[in-house]
Amino acid sequence: MSELVFFSGTMDCGKSTLALQIGHNRSARGLQGVIFTRDDRAGEGKLSSRLGLVTAAVEATEGMDMYGYLVDRLSKGGKADYVIVDEAQFLSPEQIDQLARVVDDLGLDVFAFGITTDFRTKLFPGSQRLIELADRIEILQVEALCWCGARATHNARTVGGEMVVEGAQVVVGDVSRPVGETGYEVLCRRHHLRRMTAPAARAGALSPDVLPVTSD
C-alpha cells in the first residue's frame, strides 16, 4: 500500500542525508525514483546534505504541477517507482495535495522531508498541509543540539550573528553561514524564547561582572 510519509525535524538533523539514503537503498534494488527539491543550499536542481553528498533533482518551482509532471513522465514511457521530496516546507498546500494524489492515483510512495516551523515558530504552509494529509509522520531520531547541549527544537534566523524574529518566511540560508550573513541556528525552546544564540552566549560569558567598589 503506497504512503505519503512526512519526515520532519529541525535544521541540521539529517533530513537530506536520510532522503539520499532512501534513494540509494531503492536504486540499489533496481527501483527508479523521481527526486524533487526546492531552494537547496547547493543550488537549483540539486539535493545535498551537509555531509557533502549531492545528487541531481527536479526543482519544484512555484506553481509547478507535480502530479502533472509525473503523469507526463509516465505517459512518455518514463519510469517512477517512488518519489522523494526534500525541502517540502517550501511547497504550497496545493502542491502537497498533488503529492497526495500521486500516492492515491498513481500508487507511488512519496517520502517528503522538511522543517515543520519557521524562525518565528510558525508552521510553514507546506508542512501544515503535510501534517493534515500524511499517512505517517516520522520525527527524525538524529537530534540536533542547541549550543547549551539541550535538544534543539526551534530554528532561529540570524543577521550579523543576532537573532531576528521578523521578515519574510523564506530566506535561503544555512547553519554554516558566516556570522555577517543571514544564517540560521538551531536552539532549544528556552534559548529561542530568550533570543540567546551561541554568539550572544559567548559575548555574555566574556563580559565580566561589575565588582563592587569598597573604600578602605
Protein backbone atom coordinates (compact mmCIF):
# COMPACT_ATOMS: atom_id res chain seq x y z
CA MET A 1 0.00 0.00 0.00
CA SER A 2 1.57 3.29 -1.08
CA GLU A 3 2.01 6.05 1.51
CA LEU A 4 2.66 9.74 1.89
CA VAL A 5 5.28 9.96 4.63
CA PHE A 6 6.46 13.22 6.19
CA PHE A 7 9.92 13.13 7.77
CA SER A 8 10.23 16.17 9.98
CA GLY A 9 12.88 17.76 12.15
CA THR A 10 14.84 20.93 12.78
CA MET A 11 17.65 22.10 10.58
CA ASP A 12 20.88 20.10 10.94
CA CYS A 13 19.17 16.85 11.96
CA GLY A 14 19.99 14.84 8.83
CA LYS A 15 16.81 15.12 6.74
CA SER A 16 18.61 15.47 3.40
CA THR A 17 21.07 12.73 4.32
CA LEU A 18 18.19 10.35 5.03
CA ALA A 19 16.49 11.36 1.77
CA LEU A 20 19.68 10.48 -0.11
CA GLN A 21 19.98 7.18 1.78
CA ILE A 22 16.40 6.18 0.95
CA GLY A 23 17.06 6.92 -2.70
CA HIS A 24 20.31 4.93 -2.62
CA ASN A 25 18.71 1.89 -0.97
CA ARG A 26 15.92 1.74 -3.52
CA SER A 27 18.11 2.34 -6.55
CA ALA A 28 20.37 -0.49 -5.35
CA ARG A 29 17.33 -2.78 -5.70
CA GLY A 30 16.67 -1.65 -9.25
CA LEU A 31 13.96 0.87 -8.42
CA GLN A 32 13.91 4.27 -10.07
CA GLY A 33 12.73 7.35 -8.25
CA VAL A 34 11.98 10.96 -9.01
CA ILE A 35 13.60 13.45 -6.64
CA PHE A 36 12.11 16.91 -6.18
CA THR A 37 13.66 19.71 -4.19
CA ARG A 38 13.19 23.42 -3.66
CA ASP A 39 15.79 26.07 -2.81
CA ASP A 40 18.52 23.62 -1.84
CA ARG A 41 21.70 25.10 -0.32
CA ALA A 42 23.74 23.69 -3.23
CA GLY A 43 21.69 25.47 -5.88
CA GLU A 44 18.83 24.81 -8.28
CA GLY A 45 18.11 21.22 -9.26
CA LYS A 46 20.26 19.66 -6.53
CA LEU A 47 19.64 17.67 -3.37
CA SER A 48 22.57 18.00 -0.99
CA SER A 49 23.45 17.11 2.57
CA ARG A 50 25.88 18.80 4.95
CA LEU A 51 28.00 15.64 4.77
CA GLY A 52 28.96 16.62 1.22
CA LEU A 53 26.65 14.25 -0.68
CA VAL A 54 24.89 15.72 -3.72
CA THR A 55 22.57 14.33 -6.38
CA ALA A 56 20.60 15.79 -9.26
CA ALA A 57 16.95 16.63 -8.60
CA VAL A 58 13.96 18.29 -10.23
CA GLU A 59 13.46 21.83 -8.98
CA ALA A 60 9.88 22.12 -7.74
CA THR A 61 9.29 25.69 -8.80
CA GLU A 62 6.44 27.85 -7.56
CA GLY A 63 3.22 26.88 -9.32
CA MET A 64 4.63 23.63 -10.71
CA ASP A 65 2.07 20.83 -11.10
CA MET A 66 3.98 17.96 -9.54
CA TYR A 67 1.24 15.41 -10.23
CA GLY A 68 1.10 16.57 -13.85
CA TYR A 69 4.88 16.31 -14.14
CA LEU A 70 4.82 12.66 -13.05
CA VAL A 71 1.83 11.76 -15.25
CA ASP A 72 3.61 13.30 -18.24
CA ARG A 73 6.80 11.40 -17.43
CA LEU A 74 4.96 8.07 -17.15
CA SER A 75 2.87 8.67 -20.27
CA LYS A 76 6.07 9.17 -22.27
CA GLY A 77 7.47 5.83 -21.16
CA GLY A 78 9.49 7.12 -18.23
CA LYS A 79 9.75 5.13 -15.04
CA ALA A 80 8.96 6.14 -11.48
CA ASP A 81 8.73 3.68 -8.61
CA TYR A 82 8.75 6.23 -5.80
CA VAL A 83 9.07 9.96 -5.16
CA ILE A 84 11.37 11.85 -2.79
CA VAL A 85 10.72 15.49 -1.94
CA ASP A 86 13.27 17.49 0.02
CA GLU A 87 12.67 20.97 1.48
CA ALA A 88 8.97 20.14 1.36
CA GLN A 89 8.15 23.00 3.73
CA PHE A 90 8.67 25.41 0.81
CA LEU A 91 5.93 23.80 -1.31
CA SER A 92 2.46 25.29 -1.50
CA PRO A 93 -0.53 23.49 0.06
CA GLU A 94 -1.77 22.84 -3.48
CA GLN A 95 1.47 21.04 -4.32
CA ILE A 96 1.12 18.90 -1.20
CA ASP A 97 -2.37 17.98 -2.40
CA GLN A 98 -0.79 16.95 -5.71
CA LEU A 99 1.66 14.69 -3.86
CA ALA A 100 -1.23 13.04 -2.02
CA ARG A 101 -2.84 12.42 -5.40
CA VAL A 102 0.39 10.83 -6.63
CA VAL A 103 0.03 8.33 -3.80
CA ASP A 104 -3.68 7.68 -4.25
CA ASP A 105 -3.99 7.74 -8.06
CA LEU A 106 -0.56 6.59 -9.25
CA GLY A 107 0.19 4.20 -6.40
CA LEU A 108 3.65 5.63 -5.68
CA ASP A 109 5.23 6.08 -2.27
CA VAL A 110 6.07 9.73 -1.58
CA PHE A 111 8.74 10.50 1.01
CA ALA A 112 8.65 14.18 1.95
CA PHE A 113 11.35 15.79 4.11
CA GLY A 114 11.03 19.18 5.70
CA ILE A 115 11.11 21.59 8.60
CA THR A 116 7.83 21.98 10.45
CA THR A 117 8.11 25.55 11.73
CA ASP A 118 9.91 28.68 10.60
CA PHE A 119 12.20 31.04 12.52
CA ARG A 120 9.12 32.62 14.14
CA THR A 121 7.89 29.20 15.36
CA LYS A 122 5.01 29.40 12.86
CA LEU A 123 4.05 26.45 10.68
CA PHE A 124 5.16 26.54 7.06
CA PRO A 125 2.02 26.20 4.87
CA GLY A 126 3.51 23.18 3.10
CA SER A 127 4.36 21.48 6.39
CA GLN A 128 0.93 22.22 7.80
CA ARG A 129 -0.71 20.57 4.81
CA LEU A 130 1.59 17.56 5.13
CA ILE A 131 0.60 17.17 8.76
CA GLU A 132 -3.04 17.26 7.68
CA LEU A 133 -2.66 14.72 4.84
CA ALA A 134 0.29 12.42 5.57
CA ASP A 135 -0.31 8.74 6.20
CA ARG A 136 2.65 8.81 8.58
CA ILE A 137 4.72 11.50 10.25
CA GLU A 138 8.22 10.49 11.30
CA ILE A 139 10.28 12.66 13.64
CA LEU A 140 13.93 12.17 12.80
CA GLN A 141 15.86 10.45 15.57
CA VAL A 142 19.14 12.27 14.98
CA GLU A 143 18.76 15.14 17.42
CA ALA A 144 20.26 18.50 16.58
CA LEU A 145 21.64 20.19 19.68
CA CYS A 146 21.35 23.73 20.96
CA TRP A 147 24.61 25.44 21.93
CA CYS A 148 23.73 24.66 25.56
CA GLY A 149 23.67 20.91 24.86
CA ALA A 150 19.89 20.51 25.12
CA ARG A 151 17.84 19.07 22.27
CA ALA A 152 17.25 21.74 19.62
CA THR A 153 13.57 22.15 18.79
CA HIS A 154 13.46 25.54 17.08
CA ASN A 155 15.10 27.20 14.08
CA ALA A 156 16.43 30.71 14.62
CA ARG A 157 17.32 33.18 11.87
CA THR A 158 20.35 35.35 12.48
CA VAL A 159 21.57 38.50 10.79
CA GLY A 160 25.06 39.62 11.72
CA GLY A 161 25.05 36.99 14.44
CA GLU A 162 21.92 38.37 16.13
CA MET A 163 18.60 36.55 16.18
CA VAL A 164 15.71 38.18 14.31
CA VAL A 165 12.01 37.41 14.58
CA GLU A 166 10.63 39.49 11.71
CA GLY A 167 10.97 39.24 7.95
CA ALA A 168 9.96 37.08 5.02
CA GLN A 169 9.17 33.48 5.91
CA VAL A 170 11.50 32.06 3.25
CA VAL A 171 15.08 33.34 3.11
CA VAL A 172 17.55 30.72 1.91
CA GLY A 173 20.44 30.25 4.30
CA ASP A 174 22.27 27.62 6.30
CA VAL A 175 23.60 26.93 9.76
CA SER A 176 27.17 27.21 8.49
CA ARG A 177 26.96 30.73 7.03
CA PRO A 178 29.50 33.34 8.22
CA VAL A 179 28.36 35.49 11.12
CA GLY A 180 27.99 38.61 8.98
CA GLU A 181 25.43 36.98 6.65
CA THR A 182 21.84 35.87 7.06
CA GLY A 183 22.04 32.42 8.57
CA TYR A 184 20.29 30.01 10.87
CA GLU A 185 20.94 28.35 14.19
CA VAL A 186 19.05 25.60 15.97
CA LEU A 187 18.08 26.32 19.56
CA CYS A 188 16.17 24.75 22.41
CA ARG A 189 12.84 26.41 23.21
CA ARG A 190 14.20 28.24 26.24
CA HIS A 191 17.01 29.95 24.36
CA HIS A 192 14.83 30.63 21.33
CA LEU A 193 12.36 32.48 23.55
CA ARG A 194 15.25 34.40 25.13
CA ARG A 195 16.83 35.04 21.68
CA MET A 196 20.06 33.66 23.08
CA THR A 197 22.19 32.39 20.20
CA ALA A 198 25.67 30.89 20.54
CA PRO A 199 27.42 34.20 19.68
CA ALA A 200 25.24 36.03 22.18
CA ALA A 201 26.02 33.44 24.83
CA ARG A 202 29.75 33.75 24.19
CA ALA A 203 29.56 37.53 24.33
CA GLY A 204 27.73 37.31 27.64
CA ALA A 205 30.33 34.92 29.03
CA LEU A 206 33.15 37.27 28.03
CA SER A 207 31.55 40.27 29.70
CA PRO A 208 32.96 40.48 33.24
CA ASP A 209 30.62 41.15 36.10
CA VAL A 210 31.00 44.55 37.68
CA LEU A 211 32.72 44.09 41.00
CA PRO A 212 31.53 46.11 43.98
CA VAL A 213 33.77 49.00 44.87
CA THR A 214 34.62 49.38 48.53
CA SER A 215 36.65 52.02 50.24
CA ASP A 216 39.19 51.28 52.91
